[in-house]
Amino acid sequence: MQKFLHQLWSEEQGQDIAEYAVMLAVILVIVIGTVRLIGSNSNTVFSQVGSAIQ
């Protein structure tokens, strides 16, 4: 068991996968935050334009 854990800890391929997963999570948080911000701002703009037209 100890040998397996040491092998798992020292394996570099697993670290690469973990790094990619962290980068993907950060990118997703940024994209989702940006879409939500733009979505709420665009809704306000469209509401104002619609009110101005009427």
C-alpha atoms as a PDB file:
ATOM      1  CA  MET A   1       0.000   0.000   0.000  1.00  0.00           C
ATOM      2  CA  GLN A   2       2.813   2.381   0.883  1.00  0.00           C
ATOM      3  CA  LYS A   3       4.540   1.622  -2.426  1.00  0.00           C
ATOM      4  CA  PHE A   4       1.323   2.357  -4.328  1.00  0.00           C
ATOM      5  CA  LEU A   5       0.828   5.689  -2.545  1.00  0.00           C
ATOM      6  CA  HIS A   6       4.443   6.680  -3.201  1.00  0.00           C
ATOM      7  CA  GLN A   7       4.048   5.770  -6.870  1.00  0.00           C
ATOM      8  CA  LEU A   8       0.802   7.743  -7.093  1.00  0.00           C
ATOM      9  CA  TRP A   9       2.368  10.768  -5.377  1.00  0.00           C
ATOM     10  CA  SER A  10       5.460  10.849  -7.577  1.00  0.00           C
ATOM     11  CA  GLU A  11       3.672  10.248 -10.883  1.00  0.00           C
ATOM     12  CA  GLU A  12       3.887  13.412 -12.987  1.00  0.00           C
ATOM     13  CA  GLN A  13       1.065  12.623 -15.398  1.00  0.00           C
ATOM     14  CA  GLY A  14      -1.495  12.886 -12.624  1.00  0.00           C
ATOM     15  CA  GLN A  15      -0.176  16.299 -11.675  1.00  0.00           C
ATOM     16  CA  ASP A  16      -0.587  17.506 -15.246  1.00  0.00           C
ATOM     17  CA  ILE A  17      -4.210  16.389 -15.258  1.00  0.00           C
ATOM     18  CA  ALA A  18      -4.830  18.171 -11.948  1.00  0.00           C
ATOM     19  CA  GLU A  19      -3.243  21.375 -13.260  1.00  0.00           C
ATOM     20  CA  TYR A  20      -5.426  21.286 -16.365  1.00  0.00           C
ATOM     21  CA  ALA A  21      -8.502  20.707 -14.213  1.00  0.00           C
ATOM     22  CA  VAL A  22      -7.663  23.736 -12.051  1.00  0.00           C
ATOM     23  CA  MET A  23      -7.040  25.903 -15.127  1.00  0.00           C
ATOM     24  CA  LEU A  24     -10.345  24.753 -16.645  1.00  0.00           C
ATOM     25  CA  ALA A  25     -12.196  25.565 -13.414  1.00  0.00           C
ATOM     26  CA  VAL A  26     -10.689  29.070 -13.293  1.00  0.00           C
ATOM     27  CA  ILE A  27     -11.532  29.717 -16.940  1.00  0.00           C
ATOM     28  CA  LEU A  28     -15.105  28.509 -16.417  1.00  0.00           C
ATOM     29  CA  VAL A  29     -15.566  30.797 -13.412  1.00  0.00           C
ATOM     30  CA  ILE A  30     -14.300  33.778 -15.426  1.00  0.00           C
ATOM     31  CA  VAL A  31     -16.506  32.955 -18.422  1.00  0.00           C
ATOM     32  CA  ILE A  32     -19.619  32.394 -16.312  1.00  0.00           C
ATOM     33  CA  GLY A  33     -19.015  35.617 -14.375  1.00  0.00           C
ATOM     34  CA  THR A  34     -18.537  37.574 -17.585  1.00  0.00           C
ATOM     35  CA  VAL A  35     -21.660  36.129 -19.199  1.00  0.00           C
ATOM     36  CA  ARG A  36     -23.746  36.927 -16.126  1.00  0.00           C
ATOM     37  CA  LEU A  37     -22.399  40.475 -15.979  1.00  0.00           C
ATOM     38  CA  ILE A  38     -22.960  41.110 -19.670  1.00  0.00           C
ATOM     39  CA  GLY A  39     -26.360  39.434 -19.519  1.00  0.00           C
ATOM     40  CA  SER A  40     -27.663  41.687 -16.753  1.00  0.00           C
ATOM     41  CA  ASN A  41     -26.224  44.817 -18.367  1.00  0.00           C
ATOM     42  CA  SER A  42     -27.619  43.959 -21.782  1.00  0.00           C
ATOM     43  CA  ASN A  43     -31.043  43.310 -20.271  1.00  0.00           C
ATOM     44  CA  THR A  44     -30.984  46.799 -18.769  1.00  0.00           C
ATOM     45  CA  VAL A  45     -29.937  48.357 -22.064  1.00  0.00           C
ATOM     46  CA  PHE A  46     -32.644  46.535 -24.030  1.00  0.00           C
ATOM     47  CA  SER A  47     -35.258  47.583 -21.462  1.00  0.00           C
ATOM     48  CA  GLN A  48     -34.179  51.219 -21.750  1.00  0.00           C
ATOM     49  CA  VAL A  49     -34.254  51.091 -25.549  1.00  0.00           C
ATOM     50  CA  GLY A  50     -37.672  49.462 -25.502  1.00  0.00           C
ATOM     51  CA  SER A  51     -38.999  52.138 -23.153  1.00  0.00           C
ATOM     52  CA  ALA A  52     -37.543  54.896 -25.325  1.00  0.00           C
ATOM     53  CA  ILE A  53     -39.199  53.482 -28.440  1.00  0.00           C
ATOM     54  CA  GLN A  54     -42.658  53.346 -26.859  1.00  0.00           C
END
